[in-house]
């Protein structure tokens, strides 16, 4: 099972406003795309990983709340947005979603069937390309608002990743850490350890987290993903824009609180030289 980030699902109520905010920070944002099940997205590509800004765009296509139905990506994220904006899911890179599902089961996760879907993407020159994905979800009773899944791409990488989308004026390079705050941090940390994700996902009680990152913000959750750390090649290329949007300096890092980034805390750090 791959343990490298494929992407983060960042739920927002206003997709255009979120795209504008990320552009203000110096990110290149892809054109909007539609899913066949009622959600839509725009991406921030970072090497071989990305941020997925996700919103409900066609509520009529999303199924009902029914516990007898299989897990639904669209229903889950629609219901997440009823509660709050923020990071709802962590996706891992995958070569075989079905094998990942077996590994999730072995780790003790609650696992539905693999979900396959297709959508259309847009290249930088405006051409339309067909994209296909297989998703294997893994959940835990304590993580009602923080689901992991593996994401297998069934299209050539050159149909999805484009240098024009990966070049950011703020020098953004990658994501190396996910933050999760939870009132039952020890049990959740044990689950991520069983999943082999303890080096990627840092789990803390909310008060412990605020000791490390002393932000004053009432949007920080206490039962799910709090945010991520973004590594940049030149922190001075993003610092002025971040500070103008309400970021604070914390040691060598710059922190954008979740109330400024649609429920997601963004810790920005300098990438170390190779």
C-alpha atoms as a PDB file:
ATOM      1  CA  UNK A   1       0.000   0.000   0.000  1.00  0.00           C
ATOM      2  CA  UNK A   2       1.438   3.340  -1.043  1.00  0.00           C
ATOM      3  CA  UNK A   3       1.964   5.812   1.761  1.00  0.00           C
ATOM      4  CA  UNK A   4       2.647   8.861  -0.349  1.00  0.00           C
ATOM      5  CA  UNK A   5       0.132  11.666  -0.700  1.00  0.00           C
ATOM      6  CA  UNK A   6      -1.926  11.683  -3.876  1.00  0.00           C
ATOM      7  CA  UNK A   7      -4.068  14.636  -2.836  1.00  0.00           C
ATOM      8  CA  UNK A   8      -5.972  16.376  -0.059  1.00  0.00           C
ATOM      9  CA  UNK A   9      -9.716  16.993  -0.332  1.00  0.00           C
ATOM     10  CA  UNK A  10     -10.449  20.534   0.861  1.00  0.00           C
ATOM     11  CA  UNK A  11     -14.203  21.134   1.101  1.00  0.00           C
ATOM     12  CA  UNK A  12     -15.422  24.665   0.398  1.00  0.00           C
ATOM     13  CA  UNK A  13     -18.875  26.161   0.034  1.00  0.00           C
ATOM     14  CA  UNK A  14     -17.858  28.681  -2.639  1.00  0.00           C
ATOM     15  CA  UNK A  15     -15.476  27.160  -5.166  1.00  0.00           C
ATOM     16  CA  UNK A  16     -14.831  30.420  -7.032  1.00  0.00           C
ATOM     17  CA  UNK A  17     -13.960  32.250  -3.795  1.00  0.00           C
ATOM     18  CA  UNK A  18     -11.587  29.462  -2.757  1.00  0.00           C
ATOM     19  CA  UNK A  19      -9.856  29.507  -6.159  1.00  0.00           C
ATOM     20  CA  UNK A  20      -9.442  33.267  -5.886  1.00  0.00           C
ATOM     21  CA  UNK A  21      -7.943  32.975  -2.394  1.00  0.00           C
ATOM     22  CA  UNK A  22      -5.387  30.404  -3.529  1.00  0.00           C
ATOM     23  CA  UNK A  23      -4.497  32.566  -6.520  1.00  0.00           C
ATOM     24  CA  UNK A  24      -3.997  35.497  -4.115  1.00  0.00           C
ATOM     25  CA  UNK A  25      -1.383  33.349  -2.376  1.00  0.00           C
ATOM     26  CA  UNK A  26       0.433  32.815  -5.653  1.00  0.00           C
ATOM     27  CA  UNK A  27      -0.850  29.370  -6.579  1.00  0.00           C
ATOM     28  CA  UNK A  28      -1.752  28.349 -10.112  1.00  0.00           C
ATOM     29  CA  UNK A  29      -5.243  26.815 -10.024  1.00  0.00           C
ATOM     30  CA  UNK A  30      -6.558  24.499 -12.740  1.00  0.00           C
ATOM     31  CA  UNK A  31      -9.859  25.144 -14.529  1.00  0.00           C
ATOM     32  CA  UNK A  32     -12.961  23.898 -12.725  1.00  0.00           C
ATOM     33  CA  UNK A  33     -14.110  20.345 -13.448  1.00  0.00           C
ATOM     34  CA  UNK A  34     -17.343  18.466 -12.766  1.00  0.00           C
ATOM     35  CA  UNK A  35     -17.864  15.029 -11.240  1.00  0.00           C
ATOM     36  CA  UNK A  36     -20.779  12.910 -12.508  1.00  0.00           C
ATOM     37  CA  UNK A  37     -22.177  12.633  -8.948  1.00  0.00           C
ATOM     38  CA  UNK A  38     -22.825  16.283  -8.063  1.00  0.00           C
ATOM     39  CA  UNK A  39     -19.521  17.696  -6.846  1.00  0.00           C
ATOM     40  CA  UNK A  40     -16.998  19.818  -8.698  1.00  0.00           C
ATOM     41  CA  UNK A  41     -13.393  20.755  -8.156  1.00  0.00           C
ATOM     42  CA  UNK A  42     -10.344  22.783  -9.076  1.00  0.00           C
ATOM     43  CA  UNK A  43      -6.797  21.631  -8.347  1.00  0.00           C
ATOM     44  CA  UNK A  44      -3.485  23.005  -7.161  1.00  0.00           C
ATOM     45  CA  UNK A  45      -0.867  20.628  -8.562  1.00  0.00           C
ATOM     46  CA  UNK A  46       2.378  20.178  -6.628  1.00  0.00           C
ATOM     47  CA  UNK A  47       4.706  17.765  -8.384  1.00  0.00           C
ATOM     48  CA  UNK A  48       3.021  14.362  -8.195  1.00  0.00           C
ATOM     49  CA  UNK A  49       0.463  15.444  -5.563  1.00  0.00           C
ATOM     50  CA  UNK A  50      -2.231  18.078  -5.412  1.00  0.00           C
ATOM     51  CA  UNK A  51      -4.808  19.973  -3.408  1.00  0.00           C
ATOM     52  CA  UNK A  52      -8.392  19.366  -4.472  1.00  0.00           C
ATOM     53  CA  UNK A  53     -10.712  22.291  -3.795  1.00  0.00           C
ATOM     54  CA  UNK A  54     -14.097  20.560  -3.728  1.00  0.00           C
ATOM     55  CA  UNK A  55     -17.638  21.935  -3.616  1.00  0.00           C
ATOM     56  CA  UNK A  56     -21.197  20.730  -4.125  1.00  0.00           C
ATOM     57  CA  UNK A  57     -22.250  22.071  -7.522  1.00  0.00           C
ATOM     58  CA  UNK A  58     -25.348  19.985  -8.345  1.00  0.00           C
ATOM     59  CA  UNK A  59     -27.127  18.847  -5.139  1.00  0.00           C
ATOM     60  CA  UNK A  60     -29.803  17.004  -7.123  1.00  0.00           C
ATOM     61  CA  UNK A  61     -27.234  14.430  -8.269  1.00  0.00           C
ATOM     62  CA  UNK A  62     -26.155  13.560  -4.716  1.00  0.00           C
ATOM     63  CA  UNK A  63     -27.892  10.619  -3.092  1.00  0.00           C
ATOM     64  CA  UNK A  64     -29.921  10.628   0.113  1.00  0.00           C
ATOM     65  CA  UNK A  65     -28.667  10.096   3.658  1.00  0.00           C
ATOM     66  CA  UNK A  66     -29.230   6.361   4.022  1.00  0.00           C
ATOM     67  CA  UNK A  67     -27.060   4.205   6.253  1.00  0.00           C
ATOM     68  CA  UNK A  68     -28.135   1.140   4.270  1.00  0.00           C
ATOM     69  CA  UNK A  69     -26.421   2.496   1.136  1.00  0.00           C
ATOM     70  CA  UNK A  70     -22.694   1.984   0.402  1.00  0.00           C
ATOM     71  CA  UNK A  71     -20.253   4.753   1.326  1.00  0.00           C
ATOM     72  CA  UNK A  72     -20.582   7.671  -1.091  1.00  0.00           C
ATOM     73  CA  UNK A  73     -17.839  10.237  -1.760  1.00  0.00           C
ATOM     74  CA  UNK A  74     -20.437  12.854  -2.705  1.00  0.00           C
ATOM     75  CA  UNK A  75     -22.764  12.208   0.258  1.00  0.00           C
ATOM     76  CA  UNK A  76     -19.861  12.205   2.705  1.00  0.00           C
ATOM     77  CA  UNK A  77     -18.488  15.535   1.478  1.00  0.00           C
ATOM     78  CA  UNK A  78     -21.956  17.096   1.175  1.00  0.00           C
ATOM     79  CA  UNK A  79     -22.579  16.167   4.821  1.00  0.00           C
ATOM     80  CA  UNK A  80     -19.128  17.394   5.845  1.00  0.00           C
ATOM     81  CA  UNK A  81     -19.974  20.807   4.397  1.00  0.00           C
ATOM     82  CA  UNK A  82     -23.191  20.871   6.400  1.00  0.00           C
ATOM     83  CA  UNK A  83     -20.944  20.810   9.474  1.00  0.00           C
ATOM     84  CA  UNK A  84     -17.988  22.952   8.377  1.00  0.00           C
ATOM     85  CA  UNK A  85     -15.524  23.758   5.650  1.00  0.00           C
ATOM     86  CA  UNK A  86     -12.078  22.182   5.829  1.00  0.00           C
ATOM     87  CA  UNK A  87      -9.990  19.151   4.962  1.00  0.00           C
ATOM     88  CA  UNK A  88     -12.344  16.207   4.765  1.00  0.00           C
ATOM     89  CA  UNK A  89     -10.164  13.463   3.271  1.00  0.00           C
ATOM     90  CA  UNK A  90      -6.591  12.328   2.725  1.00  0.00           C
ATOM     91  CA  UNK A  91      -5.909  10.463  -0.525  1.00  0.00           C
ATOM     92  CA  UNK A  92      -2.873   8.213  -0.960  1.00  0.00           C
ATOM     93  CA  UNK A  93      -1.160   7.292  -4.194  1.00  0.00           C
ATOM     94  CA  UNK A  94      -2.098   3.847  -5.464  1.00  0.00           C
ATOM     95  CA  UNK A  95      -1.073   1.369  -8.124  1.00  0.00           C
ATOM     96  CA  UNK A  96      -3.839  -1.087  -7.203  1.00  0.00           C
ATOM     97  CA  UNK A  97      -6.912   0.146  -5.312  1.00  0.00           C
ATOM     98  CA  UNK A  98      -8.185  -3.391  -4.760  1.00  0.00           C
ATOM     99  CA  UNK A  99      -4.915  -4.469  -3.125  1.00  0.00           C
ATOM    100  CA  UNK A 100      -5.039  -1.319  -0.988  1.00  0.00           C
ATOM    101  CA  UNK A 101      -8.545  -2.231   0.121  1.00  0.00           C
ATOM    102  CA  UNK A 102      -7.255  -5.608   1.337  1.00  0.00           C
ATOM    103  CA  UNK A 103      -4.457  -3.851   3.242  1.00  0.00           C
ATOM    104  CA  UNK A 104      -6.929  -1.434   4.835  1.00  0.00           C
ATOM    105  CA  UNK A 105      -9.050  -4.372   6.011  1.00  0.00           C
ATOM    106  CA  UNK A 106      -5.976  -6.053   7.490  1.00  0.00           C
ATOM    107  CA  UNK A 107      -5.234  -2.823   9.404  1.00  0.00           C
ATOM    108  CA  UNK A 108      -8.701  -2.913  10.980  1.00  0.00           C
ATOM    109  CA  UNK A 109     -10.356  -0.173   8.954  1.00  0.00           C
ATOM    110  CA  UNK A 110     -14.001  -0.111   7.943  1.00  0.00           C
ATOM    111  CA  UNK A 111     -13.831  -0.559   4.183  1.00  0.00           C
ATOM    112  CA  UNK A 112     -16.562  -0.417   1.485  1.00  0.00           C
ATOM    113  CA  UNK A 113     -16.152  -1.690  -2.067  1.00  0.00           C
ATOM    114  CA  UNK A 114     -13.758   0.072  -4.444  1.00  0.00           C
ATOM    115  CA  UNK A 115     -15.425   2.997  -6.218  1.00  0.00           C
ATOM    116  CA  UNK A 116     -14.665   3.619  -9.922  1.00  0.00           C
ATOM    117  CA  UNK A 117     -15.547   6.774 -11.834  1.00  0.00           C
ATOM    118  CA  UNK A 118     -14.569   8.899 -14.818  1.00  0.00           C
ATOM    119  CA  UNK A 119     -14.601  12.619 -15.501  1.00  0.00           C
ATOM    120  CA  UNK A 120     -13.367  15.075 -18.124  1.00  0.00           C
ATOM    121  CA  UNK A 121     -10.279  17.216 -17.540  1.00  0.00           C
ATOM    122  CA  UNK A 122      -8.996  20.283 -19.354  1.00  0.00           C
ATOM    123  CA  UNK A 123      -5.424  20.741 -20.585  1.00  0.00           C
ATOM    124  CA  UNK A 124      -3.723  24.156 -20.446  1.00  0.00           C
ATOM    125  CA  UNK A 125      -4.489  24.681 -24.147  1.00  0.00           C
ATOM    126  CA  UNK A 126      -8.205  24.006 -23.607  1.00  0.00           C
ATOM    127  CA  UNK A 127      -8.381  20.439 -24.915  1.00  0.00           C
ATOM    128  CA  UNK A 128     -10.641  17.938 -23.136  1.00  0.00           C
ATOM    129  CA  UNK A 129      -9.185  14.657 -21.858  1.00  0.00           C
ATOM    130  CA  UNK A 130     -10.903  11.680 -20.250  1.00  0.00           C
ATOM    131  CA  UNK A 131      -9.740  10.761 -16.748  1.00  0.00           C
ATOM    132  CA  UNK A 132     -10.504   7.632 -14.718  1.00  0.00           C
ATOM    133  CA  UNK A 133     -10.007   6.782 -11.048  1.00  0.00           C
ATOM    134  CA  UNK A 134     -10.494   3.912  -8.589  1.00  0.00           C
ATOM    135  CA  UNK A 135     -10.906   4.814  -4.905  1.00  0.00           C
ATOM    136  CA  UNK A 136     -10.519   2.504  -1.901  1.00  0.00           C
ATOM    137  CA  UNK A 137     -11.864   4.128   1.283  1.00  0.00           C
ATOM    138  CA  UNK A 138     -10.805   3.439   4.877  1.00  0.00           C
ATOM    139  CA  UNK A 139     -12.630   4.813   7.896  1.00  0.00           C
ATOM    140  CA  UNK A 140     -12.683   4.470  11.681  1.00  0.00           C
ATOM    141  CA  UNK A 141     -15.558   5.004  14.149  1.00  0.00           C
ATOM    142  CA  UNK A 142     -13.686   7.905  15.774  1.00  0.00           C
ATOM    143  CA  UNK A 143     -13.021   9.571  12.430  1.00  0.00           C
ATOM    144  CA  UNK A 144     -16.464  10.508  11.168  1.00  0.00           C
ATOM    145  CA  UNK A 145     -15.004  13.656   9.571  1.00  0.00           C
ATOM    146  CA  UNK A 146     -11.564  12.425   8.489  1.00  0.00           C
ATOM    147  CA  UNK A 147     -11.608   9.590   5.944  1.00  0.00           C
ATOM    148  CA  UNK A 148      -8.555   8.218   4.107  1.00  0.00           C
ATOM    149  CA  UNK A 149      -8.580   6.553   0.716  1.00  0.00           C
ATOM    150  CA  UNK A 150      -6.200   5.351  -1.942  1.00  0.00           C
ATOM    151  CA  UNK A 151      -6.556   6.851  -5.404  1.00  0.00           C
ATOM    152  CA  UNK A 152      -5.530   4.869  -8.463  1.00  0.00           C
ATOM    153  CA  UNK A 153      -5.289   6.876 -11.698  1.00  0.00           C
ATOM    154  CA  UNK A 154      -6.261   5.019 -14.882  1.00  0.00           C
ATOM    155  CA  UNK A 155      -4.990   7.638 -17.325  1.00  0.00           C
ATOM    156  CA  UNK A 156      -1.492   8.579 -18.478  1.00  0.00           C
ATOM    157  CA  UNK A 157       0.198  11.029 -16.121  1.00  0.00           C
ATOM    158  CA  UNK A 158       0.658  13.433 -19.022  1.00  0.00           C
ATOM    159  CA  UNK A 159      -3.149  13.694 -19.326  1.00  0.00           C
ATOM    160  CA  UNK A 160      -3.410  14.939 -15.748  1.00  0.00           C
ATOM    161  CA  UNK A 161      -0.209  16.676 -14.646  1.00  0.00           C
ATOM    162  CA  UNK A 162       0.967  19.639 -16.704  1.00  0.00           C
ATOM    163  CA  UNK A 163       4.009  21.884 -16.118  1.00  0.00           C
ATOM    164  CA  UNK A 164       1.822  24.945 -16.699  1.00  0.00           C
ATOM    165  CA  UNK A 165      -0.350  23.935 -13.734  1.00  0.00           C
ATOM    166  CA  UNK A 166       2.615  22.972 -11.539  1.00  0.00           C
ATOM    167  CA  UNK A 167       4.479  26.282 -11.814  1.00  0.00           C
ATOM    168  CA  UNK A 168       3.545  28.604  -8.919  1.00  0.00           C
ATOM    169  CA  UNK A 169       4.873  32.132  -8.437  1.00  0.00           C
ATOM    170  CA  UNK A 170       4.971  31.472  -4.673  1.00  0.00           C
ATOM    171  CA  UNK A 171       7.493  28.621  -5.276  1.00  0.00           C
ATOM    172  CA  UNK A 172       5.211  25.964  -3.700  1.00  0.00           C
ATOM    173  CA  UNK A 173       6.808  22.531  -4.036  1.00  0.00           C
ATOM    174  CA  UNK A 174       5.103  19.815  -1.972  1.00  0.00           C
ATOM    175  CA  UNK A 175       3.160  18.785   1.139  1.00  0.00           C
ATOM    176  CA  UNK A 176       5.094  16.775   3.689  1.00  0.00           C
ATOM    177  CA  UNK A 177       2.821  16.614   6.740  1.00  0.00           C
ATOM    178  CA  UNK A 178      -0.852  16.359   7.649  1.00  0.00           C
ATOM    179  CA  UNK A 179      -2.158  17.632  10.991  1.00  0.00           C
ATOM    180  CA  UNK A 180      -5.089  16.030  12.792  1.00  0.00           C
ATOM    181  CA  UNK A 181      -6.550  17.163  16.109  1.00  0.00           C
ATOM    182  CA  UNK A 182      -8.796  14.846  18.096  1.00  0.00           C
ATOM    183  CA  UNK A 183     -10.165  14.486  21.600  1.00  0.00           C
ATOM    184  CA  UNK A 184      -9.170  10.777  21.464  1.00  0.00           C
ATOM    185  CA  UNK A 185      -5.742  11.441  19.981  1.00  0.00           C
ATOM    186  CA  UNK A 186      -4.074   8.306  21.378  1.00  0.00           C
ATOM    187  CA  UNK A 187      -6.614   5.923  19.833  1.00  0.00           C
ATOM    188  CA  UNK A 188      -6.589   7.762  16.516  1.00  0.00           C
ATOM    189  CA  UNK A 189      -2.787   7.810  16.440  1.00  0.00           C
ATOM    190  CA  UNK A 190      -2.789   4.046  16.997  1.00  0.00           C
ATOM    191  CA  UNK A 191      -5.129   3.609  14.024  1.00  0.00           C
ATOM    192  CA  UNK A 192      -2.869   5.646  11.735  1.00  0.00           C
ATOM    193  CA  UNK A 193       0.105   3.650  12.968  1.00  0.00           C
ATOM    194  CA  UNK A 194      -1.674   0.416  12.001  1.00  0.00           C
ATOM    195  CA  UNK A 195      -2.338   1.978   8.608  1.00  0.00           C
ATOM    196  CA  UNK A 196       1.346   2.804   8.246  1.00  0.00           C
ATOM    197  CA  UNK A 197       0.638   6.538   8.145  1.00  0.00           C
ATOM    198  CA  UNK A 198       2.047   7.670  11.483  1.00  0.00           C
ATOM    199  CA  UNK A 199       5.060   9.379   9.834  1.00  0.00           C
ATOM    200  CA  UNK A 200       2.761  11.380   7.563  1.00  0.00           C
ATOM    201  CA  UNK A 201      -0.206  12.216   9.821  1.00  0.00           C
ATOM    202  CA  UNK A 202       0.610  13.999  13.086  1.00  0.00           C
ATOM    203  CA  UNK A 203      -2.186  13.455  15.634  1.00  0.00           C
ATOM    204  CA  UNK A 204      -2.500  15.662  18.730  1.00  0.00           C
ATOM    205  CA  UNK A 205      -5.050  16.877  21.231  1.00  0.00           C
ATOM    206  CA  UNK A 206      -6.177  20.358  20.260  1.00  0.00           C
ATOM    207  CA  UNK A 207      -4.465  22.001  23.256  1.00  0.00           C
ATOM    208  CA  UNK A 208      -1.192  20.219  22.442  1.00  0.00           C
ATOM    209  CA  UNK A 209      -1.448  21.368  18.852  1.00  0.00           C
ATOM    210  CA  UNK A 210      -2.052  24.988  19.908  1.00  0.00           C
ATOM    211  CA  UNK A 211       1.041  24.836  22.110  1.00  0.00           C
ATOM    212  CA  UNK A 212       3.093  24.110  18.993  1.00  0.00           C
ATOM    213  CA  UNK A 213       1.174  26.493  16.731  1.00  0.00           C
ATOM    214  CA  UNK A 214      -0.268  29.283  18.917  1.00  0.00           C
ATOM    215  CA  UNK A 215      -2.952  30.586  16.607  1.00  0.00           C
ATOM    216  CA  UNK A 216      -6.031  32.366  17.914  1.00  0.00           C
ATOM    217  CA  UNK A 217      -8.784  30.828  15.825  1.00  0.00           C
ATOM    218  CA  UNK A 218     -12.116  29.252  16.785  1.00  0.00           C
ATOM    219  CA  UNK A 219     -12.403  27.312  13.495  1.00  0.00           C
ATOM    220  CA  UNK A 220      -9.781  24.694  14.404  1.00  0.00           C
ATOM    221  CA  UNK A 221     -11.584  21.305  14.702  1.00  0.00           C
ATOM    222  CA  UNK A 222     -11.138  18.872  17.572  1.00  0.00           C
ATOM    223  CA  UNK A 223     -12.191  15.735  15.685  1.00  0.00           C
ATOM    224  CA  UNK A 224     -10.535  15.728  12.282  1.00  0.00           C
ATOM    225  CA  UNK A 225      -7.910  17.014   9.863  1.00  0.00           C
ATOM    226  CA  UNK A 226      -6.699  20.443  10.934  1.00  0.00           C
ATOM    227  CA  UNK A 227      -4.482  21.224   7.954  1.00  0.00           C
ATOM    228  CA  UNK A 228      -1.132  20.551   6.324  1.00  0.00           C
ATOM    229  CA  UNK A 229       2.410  21.797   5.941  1.00  0.00           C
ATOM    230  CA  UNK A 230       3.367  23.246   2.581  1.00  0.00           C
ATOM    231  CA  UNK A 231       7.033  23.290   1.613  1.00  0.00           C
ATOM    232  CA  UNK A 232       8.190  26.101  -0.659  1.00  0.00           C
ATOM    233  CA  UNK A 233      11.486  26.698  -2.425  1.00  0.00           C
ATOM    234  CA  UNK A 234      11.609  30.339  -1.320  1.00  0.00           C
ATOM    235  CA  UNK A 235       9.496  31.330   1.661  1.00  0.00           C
ATOM    236  CA  UNK A 236       9.974  35.022   0.835  1.00  0.00           C
ATOM    237  CA  UNK A 237       8.057  34.398  -2.393  1.00  0.00           C
ATOM    238  CA  UNK A 238       4.880  33.588  -0.426  1.00  0.00           C
ATOM    239  CA  UNK A 239       5.361  35.395   2.893  1.00  0.00           C
ATOM    240  CA  UNK A 240       4.027  38.867   1.876  1.00  0.00           C
ATOM    241  CA  UNK A 241       0.812  37.457   0.398  1.00  0.00           C
ATOM    242  CA  UNK A 242       0.322  35.140   3.364  1.00  0.00           C
ATOM    243  CA  UNK A 243       0.818  37.938   5.901  1.00  0.00           C
ATOM    244  CA  UNK A 244      -1.619  40.143   3.993  1.00  0.00           C
ATOM    245  CA  UNK A 245      -4.246  37.416   4.425  1.00  0.00           C
ATOM    246  CA  UNK A 246      -3.783  37.152   8.190  1.00  0.00           C
ATOM    247  CA  UNK A 247      -0.858  34.747   8.552  1.00  0.00           C
ATOM    248  CA  UNK A 248       1.424  34.845  11.589  1.00  0.00           C
ATOM    249  CA  UNK A 249       5.128  34.151  11.849  1.00  0.00           C
ATOM    250  CA  UNK A 250       5.960  31.217  14.143  1.00  0.00           C
ATOM    251  CA  UNK A 251       9.687  30.591  14.263  1.00  0.00           C
ATOM    252  CA  UNK A 252      10.865  29.808  10.755  1.00  0.00           C
ATOM    253  CA  UNK A 253       7.348  28.978   9.573  1.00  0.00           C
ATOM    254  CA  UNK A 254       4.423  31.104   8.423  1.00  0.00           C
ATOM    255  CA  UNK A 255       0.963  29.977   9.525  1.00  0.00           C
ATOM    256  CA  UNK A 256      -2.332  30.791   7.867  1.00  0.00           C
ATOM    257  CA  UNK A 257      -5.138  30.077  10.366  1.00  0.00           C
ATOM    258  CA  UNK A 258      -8.135  28.010   9.232  1.00  0.00           C
ATOM    259  CA  UNK A 259     -10.547  30.950   9.367  1.00  0.00           C
ATOM    260  CA  UNK A 260      -8.529  32.547   6.543  1.00  0.00           C
ATOM    261  CA  UNK A 261      -8.283  29.394   4.391  1.00  0.00           C
ATOM    262  CA  UNK A 262     -11.789  27.908   4.353  1.00  0.00           C
ATOM    263  CA  UNK A 263     -11.333  25.819   7.476  1.00  0.00           C
ATOM    264  CA  UNK A 264      -7.804  24.548   6.738  1.00  0.00           C
ATOM    265  CA  UNK A 265      -4.660  25.623   8.570  1.00  0.00           C
ATOM    266  CA  UNK A 266      -1.705  26.011   6.225  1.00  0.00           C
ATOM    267  CA  UNK A 267       1.758  25.866   7.778  1.00  0.00           C
ATOM    268  CA  UNK A 268       4.328  27.138   5.289  1.00  0.00           C
ATOM    269  CA  UNK A 269       7.949  26.074   5.625  1.00  0.00           C
ATOM    270  CA  UNK A 270      11.171  26.454   3.678  1.00  0.00           C
ATOM    271  CA  UNK A 271      12.130  23.348   1.730  1.00  0.00           C
ATOM    272  CA  UNK A 272      15.572  22.127   2.738  1.00  0.00           C
ATOM    273  CA  UNK A 273      18.279  22.137   0.115  1.00  0.00           C
ATOM    274  CA  UNK A 274      19.028  18.728  -1.373  1.00  0.00           C
END
